[in-house]
Amino acid sequence: MGLFAFLKKRFWHQLLFSLGINAHLKGFLEAHPYQGAAKGLCLPVLNCYSCPGALTSCPLGSLQYMIYSNARHLSLMVLGIVGSAGILAGRWVCGHLCPFGFYQDLLKKTTKKSLKLPRIWTKMKYVILFLFVVLLPLLLSKPAFCTLICPAGTLQGGLTLVWSLGIPLGFIYFWKLGLLLFFSAFSLVIPRFFCRTACPLGAFLGFFNKFSLFSIHVDMNTCISCDACRKVCPVDINISEHPASAECIRCGDCLPACPVSCITFTSPLSKEKGAFNEASL
């Protein structure tokens, strides 16, 4: 396998990006988060601001701060970056770049057991988006999602900093630790459990799946309705029926699984629909 083909594999997108945006090794050694100029930038992935190695900020934390502090300059940056990512690729960033999504994928690789997620559970992330990212920060002037829920924050910031800094451990810490264990345990048997049920960033980016420039195309004249795409889909959707589903993380697993190669990636730069097939991944 050549280097270019090697780097096109989704695993390497996830690994290299996750390591790249958490590359402040000095922060891990000194148990102190990076505070340089890059921290003023947020990227459209779930990566905790408080992680000692994090070079950038979390869009959800920035968005909550924007809401309760009325920081208009920050709002333009956050909504501009996340909105641009959504318009360009929808939830592709969830499937290929998000560090916490990568963490869940690694957990799922440790077991072959798989359970189905009730569809109603996927609606919960929209409630969390409205309640914990918008309403409660507005009412309480606090980053409610970061404080009360975010398992990525617990994994990257809570577990790496709390012991070295000697911070007193209260109810909130153990509550969030319990949530991290809850989401991690279910991710062993339900692929992308947190992404599908509780991630407000995924909920927001999902709105763009219907009209993002980079999308999935299904040739229904070729499709044989065999359901092979659903069987390999980490979010359990039939892409032939719902190619623009808000749940789709654009991982591309369905492309090589299709026996008639009717599922393809497409973009405005494609010469024709479906210019990118499984050979392009």
C-alpha atoms as a PDB file:
ATOM      1  CA  MET A   1       0.000   0.000   0.000  1.00  0.00           C
ATOM      2  CA  GLY A   2       1.440   3.394  -0.996  1.00  0.00           C
ATOM      3  CA  LEU A   3       1.736   6.288   1.437  1.00  0.00           C
ATOM      4  CA  PHE A   4      -1.121   8.223  -0.194  1.00  0.00           C
ATOM      5  CA  ALA A   5      -3.507   5.268  -0.008  1.00  0.00           C
ATOM      6  CA  PHE A   6      -2.334   4.635   3.554  1.00  0.00           C
ATOM      7  CA  LEU A   7      -3.198   8.173   4.652  1.00  0.00           C
ATOM      8  CA  LYS A   8      -6.623   8.048   3.006  1.00  0.00           C
ATOM      9  CA  LYS A   9      -7.815   5.428   5.469  1.00  0.00           C
ATOM     10  CA  ARG A  10     -10.311   6.902   7.954  1.00  0.00           C
ATOM     11  CA  PHE A  11      -8.420   5.542  10.956  1.00  0.00           C
ATOM     12  CA  TRP A  12      -5.421   7.674  10.030  1.00  0.00           C
ATOM     13  CA  HIS A  13      -7.552  10.780   9.519  1.00  0.00           C
ATOM     14  CA  GLN A  14      -8.829  10.315  13.044  1.00  0.00           C
ATOM     15  CA  LEU A  15      -5.523   9.408  14.678  1.00  0.00           C
ATOM     16  CA  LEU A  16      -3.394  12.097  13.052  1.00  0.00           C
ATOM     17  CA  PHE A  17      -5.966  14.853  13.588  1.00  0.00           C
ATOM     18  CA  SER A  18      -6.580  13.861  17.222  1.00  0.00           C
ATOM     19  CA  LEU A  19      -2.856  13.843  17.953  1.00  0.00           C
ATOM     20  CA  GLY A  20      -2.278  17.021  15.963  1.00  0.00           C
ATOM     21  CA  ILE A  21      -4.730  19.199  17.885  1.00  0.00           C
ATOM     22  CA  ASN A  22      -3.521  17.796  21.214  1.00  0.00           C
ATOM     23  CA  ALA A  23       0.187  18.094  20.493  1.00  0.00           C
ATOM     24  CA  HIS A  24       1.180  20.402  23.361  1.00  0.00           C
ATOM     25  CA  LEU A  25       3.224  17.744  25.153  1.00  0.00           C
ATOM     26  CA  LYS A  26       4.580  20.253  27.659  1.00  0.00           C
ATOM     27  CA  GLY A  27       1.047  20.667  28.975  1.00  0.00           C
ATOM     28  CA  PHE A  28       0.867  16.996  29.924  1.00  0.00           C
ATOM     29  CA  LEU A  29       4.254  17.162  31.647  1.00  0.00           C
ATOM     30  CA  GLU A  30       3.382  20.300  33.615  1.00  0.00           C
ATOM     31  CA  ALA A  31      -0.340  19.508  34.086  1.00  0.00           C
ATOM     32  CA  HIS A  32      -1.253  22.895  32.671  1.00  0.00           C
ATOM     33  CA  PRO A  33      -3.409  23.612  29.581  1.00  0.00           C
ATOM     34  CA  TYR A  34      -1.864  25.439  26.644  1.00  0.00           C
ATOM     35  CA  GLN A  35      -2.731  29.165  26.610  1.00  0.00           C
ATOM     36  CA  GLY A  36      -1.068  30.293  23.377  1.00  0.00           C
ATOM     37  CA  ALA A  37      -2.497  32.148  20.392  1.00  0.00           C
ATOM     38  CA  ALA A  38      -3.989  29.025  18.790  1.00  0.00           C
ATOM     39  CA  LYS A  39      -6.341  28.690  21.776  1.00  0.00           C
ATOM     40  CA  GLY A  40      -8.289  31.580  20.313  1.00  0.00           C
ATOM     41  CA  LEU A  41      -9.363  29.291  17.472  1.00  0.00           C
ATOM     42  CA  CYS A  42     -12.051  26.638  17.771  1.00  0.00           C
ATOM     43  CA  LEU A  43     -12.429  23.657  15.453  1.00  0.00           C
ATOM     44  CA  PRO A  44     -15.743  21.868  14.681  1.00  0.00           C
ATOM     45  CA  VAL A  45     -14.959  18.778  16.784  1.00  0.00           C
ATOM     46  CA  LEU A  46     -15.473  17.726  20.399  1.00  0.00           C
ATOM     47  CA  ASN A  47     -12.055  18.351  21.958  1.00  0.00           C
ATOM     48  CA  CYS A  48     -11.848  19.789  25.464  1.00  0.00           C
ATOM     49  CA  TYR A  49     -10.328  23.231  26.039  1.00  0.00           C
ATOM     50  CA  SER A  50      -8.934  22.011  29.385  1.00  0.00           C
ATOM     51  CA  CYS A  51      -7.010  19.076  27.950  1.00  0.00           C
ATOM     52  CA  PRO A  52      -3.337  19.811  28.791  1.00  0.00           C
ATOM     53  CA  GLY A  53      -2.342  19.120  25.198  1.00  0.00           C
ATOM     54  CA  ALA A  54      -5.204  20.905  23.422  1.00  0.00           C
ATOM     55  CA  LEU A  55      -4.001  23.600  21.033  1.00  0.00           C
ATOM     56  CA  THR A  56      -7.471  24.921  20.160  1.00  0.00           C
ATOM     57  CA  SER A  57     -10.774  25.632  21.878  1.00  0.00           C
ATOM     58  CA  CYS A  58     -13.993  23.622  21.922  1.00  0.00           C
ATOM     59  CA  PRO A  59     -16.815  25.099  19.811  1.00  0.00           C
ATOM     60  CA  LEU A  60     -19.464  24.072  22.349  1.00  0.00           C
ATOM     61  CA  GLY A  61     -17.669  25.754  25.234  1.00  0.00           C
ATOM     62  CA  SER A  62     -17.074  28.832  23.096  1.00  0.00           C
ATOM     63  CA  LEU A  63     -20.710  28.901  21.997  1.00  0.00           C
ATOM     64  CA  GLN A  64     -21.967  28.726  25.586  1.00  0.00           C
ATOM     65  CA  TYR A  65     -19.604  31.505  26.639  1.00  0.00           C
ATOM     66  CA  MET A  66     -20.806  33.551  23.681  1.00  0.00           C
ATOM     67  CA  ILE A  67     -24.420  33.109  24.786  1.00  0.00           C
ATOM     68  CA  TYR A  68     -24.055  34.104  28.427  1.00  0.00           C
ATOM     69  CA  SER A  69     -21.437  36.827  27.944  1.00  0.00           C
ATOM     70  CA  ASN A  70     -22.912  38.397  24.797  1.00  0.00           C
ATOM     71  CA  ALA A  71     -19.516  38.203  23.071  1.00  0.00           C
ATOM     72  CA  ARG A  72     -20.574  39.059  19.530  1.00  0.00           C
ATOM     73  CA  HIS A  73     -17.060  38.890  18.067  1.00  0.00           C
ATOM     74  CA  LEU A  74     -16.718  35.340  19.375  1.00  0.00           C
ATOM     75  CA  SER A  75     -20.150  34.376  18.076  1.00  0.00           C
ATOM     76  CA  LEU A  76     -19.154  35.275  14.530  1.00  0.00           C
ATOM     77  CA  MET A  77     -16.035  33.128  14.756  1.00  0.00           C
ATOM     78  CA  VAL A  78     -17.712  30.090  16.343  1.00  0.00           C
ATOM     79  CA  LEU A  79     -20.786  30.067  14.133  1.00  0.00           C
ATOM     80  CA  GLY A  80     -18.654  30.888  11.104  1.00  0.00           C
ATOM     81  CA  ILE A  81     -16.248  27.987  11.645  1.00  0.00           C
ATOM     82  CA  VAL A  82     -18.845  25.386  12.593  1.00  0.00           C
ATOM     83  CA  GLY A  83     -21.312  26.618   9.983  1.00  0.00           C
ATOM     84  CA  SER A  84     -18.654  26.573   7.257  1.00  0.00           C
ATOM     85  CA  ALA A  85     -17.706  23.008   8.181  1.00  0.00           C
ATOM     86  CA  GLY A  86     -21.373  22.036   8.044  1.00  0.00           C
ATOM     87  CA  ILE A  87     -21.969  23.661   4.666  1.00  0.00           C
ATOM     88  CA  LEU A  88     -18.821  22.100   3.252  1.00  0.00           C
ATOM     89  CA  ALA A  89     -19.143  18.544   4.556  1.00  0.00           C
ATOM     90  CA  GLY A  90     -22.011  18.113   7.020  1.00  0.00           C
ATOM     91  CA  ARG A  91     -21.165  15.483   9.625  1.00  0.00           C
ATOM     92  CA  TRP A  92     -18.089  14.262   7.731  1.00  0.00           C
ATOM     93  CA  VAL A  93     -16.017  15.873  10.484  1.00  0.00           C
ATOM     94  CA  CYS A  94     -17.795  13.628  13.016  1.00  0.00           C
ATOM     95  CA  GLY A  95     -16.777  10.510  11.136  1.00  0.00           C
ATOM     96  CA  HIS A  96     -13.236  11.493  10.191  1.00  0.00           C
ATOM     97  CA  LEU A  97     -11.843  14.138  12.551  1.00  0.00           C
ATOM     98  CA  CYS A  98     -13.580  14.212  15.945  1.00  0.00           C
ATOM     99  CA  PRO A  99     -11.295  12.929  18.748  1.00  0.00           C
ATOM    100  CA  PHE A 100     -14.167  11.786  20.962  1.00  0.00           C
ATOM    101  CA  GLY A 101     -15.765  10.018  18.027  1.00  0.00           C
ATOM    102  CA  PHE A 102     -12.418   8.302  17.460  1.00  0.00           C
ATOM    103  CA  TYR A 103     -12.382   7.261  21.133  1.00  0.00           C
ATOM    104  CA  GLN A 104     -15.787   5.607  20.713  1.00  0.00           C
ATOM    105  CA  ASP A 105     -14.675   3.851  17.527  1.00  0.00           C
ATOM    106  CA  LEU A 106     -11.676   2.399  19.370  1.00  0.00           C
ATOM    107  CA  LEU A 107     -13.921   1.157  22.171  1.00  0.00           C
ATOM    108  CA  LYS A 108     -16.247  -0.564  19.703  1.00  0.00           C
ATOM    109  CA  LYS A 109     -13.312  -2.335  18.057  1.00  0.00           C
ATOM    110  CA  THR A 110     -12.686  -4.217  21.314  1.00  0.00           C
ATOM    111  CA  THR A 111     -15.908  -6.225  21.073  1.00  0.00           C
ATOM    112  CA  LYS A 112     -18.012  -7.819  18.347  1.00  0.00           C
ATOM    113  CA  LYS A 113     -21.229  -7.661  20.366  1.00  0.00           C
ATOM    114  CA  SER A 114     -23.647  -5.072  19.004  1.00  0.00           C
ATOM    115  CA  LEU A 115     -27.040  -3.857  20.187  1.00  0.00           C
ATOM    116  CA  LYS A 116     -29.615  -1.784  18.326  1.00  0.00           C
ATOM    117  CA  LEU A 117     -30.336   1.701  19.576  1.00  0.00           C
ATOM    118  CA  PRO A 118     -34.030   2.687  19.809  1.00  0.00           C
ATOM    119  CA  ARG A 119     -34.635   5.493  17.299  1.00  0.00           C
ATOM    120  CA  ILE A 120     -36.247   7.719  19.920  1.00  0.00           C
ATOM    121  CA  TRP A 121     -32.918   7.932  21.771  1.00  0.00           C
ATOM    122  CA  THR A 122     -31.356   9.753  18.819  1.00  0.00           C
ATOM    123  CA  LYS A 123     -33.714  12.690  19.436  1.00  0.00           C
ATOM    124  CA  MET A 124     -32.219  13.335  22.864  1.00  0.00           C
ATOM    125  CA  LYS A 125     -29.212  15.197  21.429  1.00  0.00           C
ATOM    126  CA  TYR A 126     -31.488  17.930  20.067  1.00  0.00           C
ATOM    127  CA  VAL A 127     -32.969  18.425  23.541  1.00  0.00           C
ATOM    128  CA  ILE A 128     -29.442  18.627  24.971  1.00  0.00           C
ATOM    129  CA  LEU A 129     -28.427  21.135  22.286  1.00  0.00           C
ATOM    130  CA  PHE A 130     -31.316  23.448  23.144  1.00  0.00           C
ATOM    131  CA  LEU A 131     -31.378  22.934  26.908  1.00  0.00           C
ATOM    132  CA  PHE A 132     -27.708  22.657  27.895  1.00  0.00           C
ATOM    133  CA  VAL A 133     -25.972  24.653  25.159  1.00  0.00           C
ATOM    134  CA  VAL A 134     -28.502  27.459  24.660  1.00  0.00           C
ATOM    135  CA  LEU A 135     -31.173  27.834  27.364  1.00  0.00           C
ATOM    136  CA  LEU A 136     -29.347  27.025  30.618  1.00  0.00           C
ATOM    137  CA  PRO A 137     -26.223  29.053  29.753  1.00  0.00           C
ATOM    138  CA  LEU A 138     -28.534  31.963  28.975  1.00  0.00           C
ATOM    139  CA  LEU A 139     -30.435  31.595  32.267  1.00  0.00           C
ATOM    140  CA  LEU A 140     -27.574  30.620  34.578  1.00  0.00           C
ATOM    141  CA  SER A 141     -24.640  32.409  32.905  1.00  0.00           C
ATOM    142  CA  LYS A 142     -22.654  29.169  33.065  1.00  0.00           C
ATOM    143  CA  PRO A 143     -21.476  26.630  30.447  1.00  0.00           C
ATOM    144  CA  ALA A 144     -24.057  24.021  31.453  1.00  0.00           C
ATOM    145  CA  PHE A 145     -23.079  21.333  28.944  1.00  0.00           C
ATOM    146  CA  CYS A 146     -19.384  21.544  29.822  1.00  0.00           C
ATOM    147  CA  THR A 147     -20.102  21.639  33.557  1.00  0.00           C
ATOM    148  CA  LEU A 148     -22.757  18.940  33.814  1.00  0.00           C
ATOM    149  CA  ILE A 149     -22.481  16.549  30.860  1.00  0.00           C
ATOM    150  CA  CYS A 150     -19.498  16.643  28.503  1.00  0.00           C
ATOM    151  CA  PRO A 151     -17.717  13.254  28.730  1.00  0.00           C
ATOM    152  CA  ALA A 152     -14.914  14.484  26.471  1.00  0.00           C
ATOM    153  CA  GLY A 153     -14.095  17.124  29.068  1.00  0.00           C
ATOM    154  CA  THR A 154     -13.958  14.493  31.799  1.00  0.00           C
ATOM    155  CA  LEU A 155     -11.760  12.203  29.713  1.00  0.00           C
ATOM    156  CA  GLN A 156      -9.348  14.849  28.456  1.00  0.00           C
ATOM    157  CA  GLY A 157      -9.391  17.425  31.239  1.00  0.00           C
ATOM    158  CA  GLY A 158     -10.863  15.871  34.372  1.00  0.00           C
ATOM    159  CA  LEU A 159      -8.827  12.679  34.408  1.00  0.00           C
ATOM    160  CA  THR A 160      -5.580  14.316  33.302  1.00  0.00           C
ATOM    161  CA  LEU A 161      -5.588  17.360  35.583  1.00  0.00           C
ATOM    162  CA  VAL A 162      -7.547  16.679  38.747  1.00  0.00           C
ATOM    163  CA  TRP A 163      -5.005  14.465  40.501  1.00  0.00           C
ATOM    164  CA  SER A 164      -1.937  16.546  39.688  1.00  0.00           C
ATOM    165  CA  LEU A 165      -3.574  19.849  40.652  1.00  0.00           C
ATOM    166  CA  GLY A 166      -4.959  18.566  43.933  1.00  0.00           C
ATOM    167  CA  ILE A 167      -8.457  19.872  43.186  1.00  0.00           C
ATOM    168  CA  PRO A 168     -11.079  18.780  45.781  1.00  0.00           C
ATOM    169  CA  LEU A 169     -13.363  16.134  44.282  1.00  0.00           C
ATOM    170  CA  GLY A 170     -17.016  17.030  44.685  1.00  0.00           C
ATOM    171  CA  PHE A 171     -20.354  15.678  43.493  1.00  0.00           C
ATOM    172  CA  ILE A 172     -20.092  17.212  40.010  1.00  0.00           C
ATOM    173  CA  TYR A 173     -16.773  15.497  39.349  1.00  0.00           C
ATOM    174  CA  PHE A 174     -18.105  12.066  40.248  1.00  0.00           C
ATOM    175  CA  TRP A 175     -21.357  12.756  38.378  1.00  0.00           C
ATOM    176  CA  LYS A 176     -19.412  13.506  35.207  1.00  0.00           C
ATOM    177  CA  LEU A 177     -17.096  10.559  35.788  1.00  0.00           C
ATOM    178  CA  GLY A 178     -20.203   8.383  36.010  1.00  0.00           C
ATOM    179  CA  LEU A 179     -21.480   9.826  32.721  1.00  0.00           C
ATOM    180  CA  LEU A 180     -18.137   9.115  31.049  1.00  0.00           C
ATOM    181  CA  LEU A 181     -18.291   5.505  32.240  1.00  0.00           C
ATOM    182  CA  PHE A 182     -21.938   5.283  31.114  1.00  0.00           C
ATOM    183  CA  PHE A 183     -21.243   6.541  27.595  1.00  0.00           C
ATOM    184  CA  SER A 184     -18.056   4.477  27.341  1.00  0.00           C
ATOM    185  CA  ALA A 185     -19.769   1.266  28.457  1.00  0.00           C
ATOM    186  CA  PHE A 186     -22.607   1.653  25.974  1.00  0.00           C
ATOM    187  CA  SER A 187     -20.136   2.530  23.212  1.00  0.00           C
ATOM    188  CA  LEU A 188     -18.716  -0.979  23.593  1.00  0.00           C
ATOM    189  CA  VAL A 189     -21.976  -2.481  22.335  1.00  0.00           C
ATOM    190  CA  ILE A 190     -23.648   0.403  20.469  1.00  0.00           C
ATOM    191  CA  PRO A 191     -21.432   2.132  17.877  1.00  0.00           C
ATOM    192  CA  ARG A 192     -21.039   5.879  18.421  1.00  0.00           C
ATOM    193  CA  PHE A 193     -23.448   5.821  21.366  1.00  0.00           C
ATOM    194  CA  PHE A 194     -22.661   9.341  22.582  1.00  0.00           C
ATOM    195  CA  CYS A 195     -22.635  10.807  19.063  1.00  0.00           C
ATOM    196  CA  ARG A 196     -26.049   9.351  18.340  1.00  0.00           C
ATOM    197  CA  THR A 197     -27.775  10.176  21.617  1.00  0.00           C
ATOM    198  CA  ALA A 198     -26.184  13.151  23.332  1.00  0.00           C
ATOM    199  CA  CYS A 199     -23.720  15.127  21.191  1.00  0.00           C
ATOM    200  CA  PRO A 200     -25.081  18.648  20.579  1.00  0.00           C
ATOM    201  CA  LEU A 201     -22.332  19.401  18.059  1.00  0.00           C
ATOM    202  CA  GLY A 202     -23.399  16.398  15.990  1.00  0.00           C
ATOM    203  CA  ALA A 203     -27.005  17.553  16.273  1.00  0.00           C
ATOM    204  CA  PHE A 204     -26.054  20.972  14.914  1.00  0.00           C
ATOM    205  CA  LEU A 205     -23.871  19.653  12.087  1.00  0.00           C
ATOM    206  CA  GLY A 206     -26.570  17.145  11.132  1.00  0.00           C
ATOM    207  CA  PHE A 207     -28.800  20.002   9.989  1.00  0.00           C
ATOM    208  CA  PHE A 208     -26.355  20.602   7.120  1.00  0.00           C
ATOM    209  CA  ASN A 209     -26.344  17.038   5.787  1.00  0.00           C
ATOM    210  CA  LYS A 210     -29.234  17.742   3.435  1.00  0.00           C
ATOM    211  CA  PHE A 211     -27.412  20.465   1.513  1.00  0.00           C
ATOM    212  CA  SER A 212     -23.689  20.209   2.279  1.00  0.00           C
ATOM    213  CA  LEU A 213     -21.371  20.493  -0.722  1.00  0.00           C
ATOM    214  CA  PHE A 214     -19.673  17.176   0.026  1.00  0.00           C
ATOM    215  CA  SER A 215     -22.391  14.533   0.222  1.00  0.00           C
ATOM    216  CA  ILE A 216     -23.391  10.950  -0.473  1.00  0.00           C
ATOM    217  CA  HIS A 217     -25.147   9.956  -3.685  1.00  0.00           C
ATOM    218  CA  VAL A 218     -27.035   6.706  -4.257  1.00  0.00           C
ATOM    219  CA  ASP A 219     -27.795   5.550  -7.793  1.00  0.00           C
ATOM    220  CA  MET A 220     -31.287   4.146  -7.277  1.00  0.00           C
ATOM    221  CA  ASN A 221     -31.281   2.694 -10.793  1.00  0.00           C
ATOM    222  CA  THR A 222     -28.473   0.396  -9.693  1.00  0.00           C
ATOM    223  CA  CYS A 223     -29.449  -0.214  -6.048  1.00  0.00           C
ATOM    224  CA  ILE A 224     -30.803  -3.729  -5.377  1.00  0.00           C
ATOM    225  CA  SER A 225     -32.163  -2.926  -1.873  1.00  0.00           C
ATOM    226  CA  CYS A 226     -30.029  -5.624  -0.265  1.00  0.00           C
ATOM    227  CA  ASP A 227     -29.561  -3.708   3.024  1.00  0.00           C
ATOM    228  CA  ALA A 228     -25.792  -4.313   2.953  1.00  0.00           C
ATOM    229  CA  CYS A 229     -25.211  -0.630   3.703  1.00  0.00           C
ATOM    230  CA  ARG A 230     -27.232  -0.743   6.919  1.00  0.00           C
ATOM    231  CA  LYS A 231     -25.393  -3.851   8.135  1.00  0.00           C
ATOM    232  CA  VAL A 232     -22.047  -2.014   8.202  1.00  0.00           C
ATOM    233  CA  CYS A 233     -23.368   1.428   9.162  1.00  0.00           C
ATOM    234  CA  PRO A 234     -22.173   2.547  12.623  1.00  0.00           C
ATOM    235  CA  VAL A 235     -25.273   4.707  13.053  1.00  0.00           C
ATOM    236  CA  ASP A 236     -27.698   2.082  11.698  1.00  0.00           C
ATOM    237  CA  ILE A 237     -29.251   3.849   8.717  1.00  0.00           C
ATOM    238  CA  ASN A 238     -30.135   2.581   5.267  1.00  0.00           C
ATOM    239  CA  ILE A 239     -28.232   5.090   3.187  1.00  0.00           C
ATOM    240  CA  SER A 240     -30.088   4.091   0.011  1.00  0.00           C
ATOM    241  CA  GLU A 241     -33.317   5.313   1.610  1.00  0.00           C
ATOM    242  CA  HIS A 242     -31.853   8.283   3.502  1.00  0.00           C
ATOM    243  CA  PRO A 243     -28.652   9.523   1.799  1.00  0.00           C
ATOM    244  CA  ALA A 244     -28.961  12.935   3.481  1.00  0.00           C
ATOM    245  CA  SER A 245     -29.894  11.638   6.945  1.00  0.00           C
ATOM    246  CA  ALA A 246     -28.860  13.923   9.805  1.00  0.00           C
ATOM    247  CA  GLU A 247     -27.565  10.810  11.570  1.00  0.00           C
ATOM    248  CA  CYS A 248     -25.045   9.947   8.831  1.00  0.00           C
ATOM    249  CA  ILE A 249     -21.453  10.696   9.878  1.00  0.00           C
ATOM    250  CA  ARG A 250     -20.177  10.188   6.314  1.00  0.00           C
ATOM    251  CA  CYS A 251     -17.684   7.557   7.462  1.00  0.00           C
ATOM    252  CA  GLY A 252     -17.781   5.828   4.075  1.00  0.00           C
ATOM    253  CA  ASP A 253     -18.105   2.284   5.448  1.00  0.00           C
ATOM    254  CA  CYS A 254     -21.109   1.665   3.209  1.00  0.00           C
ATOM    255  CA  LEU A 255     -19.209   2.363  -0.028  1.00  0.00           C
ATOM    256  CA  PRO A 256     -17.061  -0.789  -0.190  1.00  0.00           C
ATOM    257  CA  ALA A 257     -19.898  -2.833   1.351  1.00  0.00           C
ATOM    258  CA  CYS A 258     -22.263  -2.148  -1.556  1.00  0.00           C
ATOM    259  CA  PRO A 259     -22.204  -5.181  -3.914  1.00  0.00           C
ATOM    260  CA  VAL A 260     -23.207  -3.080  -6.931  1.00  0.00           C
ATOM    261  CA  SER A 261     -21.155   0.053  -6.099  1.00  0.00           C
ATOM    262  CA  CYS A 262     -24.156   2.361  -6.250  1.00  0.00           C
ATOM    263  CA  ILE A 263     -23.102   4.482  -3.236  1.00  0.00           C
ATOM    264  CA  THR A 264     -20.578   7.236  -3.889  1.00  0.00           C
ATOM    265  CA  PHE A 265     -19.318  10.511  -2.479  1.00  0.00           C
ATOM    266  CA  THR A 266     -20.046  13.570  -4.576  1.00  0.00           C
ATOM    267  CA  SER A 267     -19.075  17.244  -4.517  1.00  0.00           C
ATOM    268  CA  PRO A 268     -19.399  20.320  -6.759  1.00  0.00           C
ATOM    269  CA  LEU A 269     -15.927  19.487  -8.090  1.00  0.00           C
ATOM    270  CA  SER A 270     -17.062  16.064  -9.269  1.00  0.00           C
ATOM    271  CA  LYS A 271     -17.315  15.728 -13.022  1.00  0.00           C
ATOM    272  CA  GLU A 272     -20.403  13.644 -12.458  1.00  0.00           C
ATOM    273  CA  LYS A 273     -22.439  12.334  -9.541  1.00  0.00           C
ATOM    274  CA  GLY A 274     -20.474   9.852  -7.534  1.00  0.00           C
ATOM    275  CA  ALA A 275     -16.964  10.754  -8.626  1.00  0.00           C
ATOM    276  CA  PHE A 276     -15.578   9.301  -5.409  1.00  0.00           C
ATOM    277  CA  ASN A 277     -16.207   5.614  -4.793  1.00  0.00           C
ATOM    278  CA  GLU A 278     -14.662   3.079  -2.454  1.00  0.00           C
ATOM    279  CA  ALA A 279     -11.443   3.096  -4.476  1.00  0.00           C
ATOM    280  CA  SER A 280     -11.017   6.731  -3.505  1.00  0.00           C
ATOM    281  CA  LEU A 281     -11.132   6.105   0.239  1.00  0.00           C
END
